[in-house]
Amino acid sequence: MAGGWARDGAVEEQIEASINDELKRMQARRGPSGESRTHCAECEEEIPERRRAAIPGVKLCVDCQQGRDSRPEARGGINRRGSKDSQLR
């Protein structure tokens, strides 16, 4: 189903791209995996053994992780809807 100047399948492609972007974002938030580091990747402080045992694949100490978690998450500013109002802004 095409609308206006869009080619056939364009709407479905946009929906599919939006879904894939959201899936990638959710997978990135899944958390660490693999081998834990003994020292923080940002500040080089030692990561306590109890933290490494509790969270497999941990890369950051508690302080650095809290700093990252408190930052707002950047999201892409792509308007895939392509509405007339968004094009005029």
Protein backbone atom coordinates (compact mmCIF):
# COMPACT_ATOMS: atom_id res chain seq x y z
CA MET A 1 0.00 0.00 0.00
CA ALA A 2 1.64 3.22 -1.15
CA GLY A 3 0.44 6.66 -0.27
CA GLY A 4 1.26 9.84 -2.13
CA TRP A 5 4.80 9.75 -3.48
CA ALA A 6 5.86 6.68 -1.49
CA ARG A 7 6.74 3.55 -3.37
CA ASP A 8 5.06 0.21 -2.68
CA GLY A 9 6.23 -1.31 0.59
CA ALA A 10 7.72 1.93 1.96
CA VAL A 11 5.41 2.03 4.98
CA GLU A 12 6.16 -1.59 5.86
CA GLU A 13 9.90 -0.89 5.56
CA GLN A 14 9.59 2.06 7.94
CA ILE A 15 7.66 -0.02 10.46
CA GLU A 16 10.19 -2.84 10.19
CA ALA A 17 13.09 -0.39 10.68
CA SER A 18 11.42 1.08 13.77
CA ILE A 19 10.91 -2.37 15.26
CA ASN A 20 14.53 -3.36 14.54
CA ASP A 21 15.83 -0.16 16.16
CA GLU A 22 13.78 -0.80 19.29
CA LEU A 23 14.91 -4.42 19.47
CA LYS A 24 18.56 -3.35 19.24
CA ARG A 25 18.00 -0.78 21.99
CA MET A 26 16.37 -3.39 24.24
CA GLN A 27 19.14 -5.93 23.60
CA ALA A 28 21.77 -3.32 24.48
CA ARG A 29 20.04 -2.76 27.84
CA ARG A 30 20.00 -6.48 28.58
CA GLY A 31 23.18 -6.07 30.60
CA PRO A 32 26.71 -7.36 30.65
CA SER A 33 27.69 -10.87 29.69
CA GLY A 34 30.92 -12.79 29.38
CA GLU A 35 33.92 -12.52 31.66
CA SER A 36 33.91 -9.89 34.41
CA ARG A 37 36.74 -7.40 34.70
CA THR A 38 38.71 -7.18 37.93
CA HIS A 39 39.10 -3.40 37.59
CA CYS A 40 36.64 -0.77 36.33
CA ALA A 41 36.86 0.09 32.63
CA GLU A 42 36.44 3.81 33.36
CA CYS A 43 38.23 4.62 36.64
CA GLU A 44 40.47 1.54 37.09
CA GLU A 45 39.22 0.98 40.67
CA GLU A 46 38.99 -2.65 41.74
CA ILE A 47 35.55 -4.23 41.31
CA PRO A 48 34.63 -6.18 44.47
CA GLU A 49 34.45 -9.96 44.16
CA ARG A 50 30.82 -9.99 45.37
CA ARG A 51 29.80 -7.63 42.52
CA ARG A 52 31.64 -9.76 39.95
CA ALA A 53 29.89 -12.88 41.27
CA ALA A 54 26.45 -11.21 41.31
CA ILE A 55 26.68 -9.72 37.81
CA PRO A 56 28.54 -11.92 35.30
CA GLY A 57 30.38 -9.81 32.73
CA VAL A 58 30.43 -6.64 34.82
CA LYS A 59 32.79 -3.97 33.44
CA LEU A 60 32.15 -0.98 35.73
CA CYS A 61 32.38 -0.30 39.45
CA VAL A 62 29.24 0.74 41.33
CA ASP A 63 30.03 4.49 41.21
CA CYS A 64 30.70 4.54 37.45
CA GLN A 65 27.62 2.41 36.73
CA GLN A 66 25.43 4.74 38.79
CA GLY A 67 26.84 7.70 36.86
CA ARG A 68 25.96 6.02 33.56
CA ASP A 69 22.50 5.04 34.73
CA SER A 70 21.71 8.60 35.81
CA ARG A 71 22.49 10.03 32.34
CA PRO A 72 19.50 10.42 30.03
CA GLU A 73 19.40 7.90 27.23
CA ALA A 74 20.00 9.39 23.80
CA ARG A 75 17.48 8.27 21.23
CA GLY A 76 17.57 8.82 17.52
CA GLY A 77 15.78 11.88 16.26
CA ILE A 78 14.54 10.27 13.07
CA ASN A 79 10.91 10.89 12.25
CA ARG A 80 9.96 7.90 10.17
CA ARG A 81 6.34 8.97 9.95
CA GLY A 82 7.21 11.76 7.57
CA SER A 83 4.11 13.75 8.42
CA LYS A 84 3.61 17.07 6.69
CA ASP A 85 3.89 18.96 10.00
CA SER A 86 7.27 17.40 10.81
CA GLN A 87 8.61 18.33 7.36
CA LEU A 88 7.63 21.97 7.80
CA ARG A 89 9.50 22.40 11.10
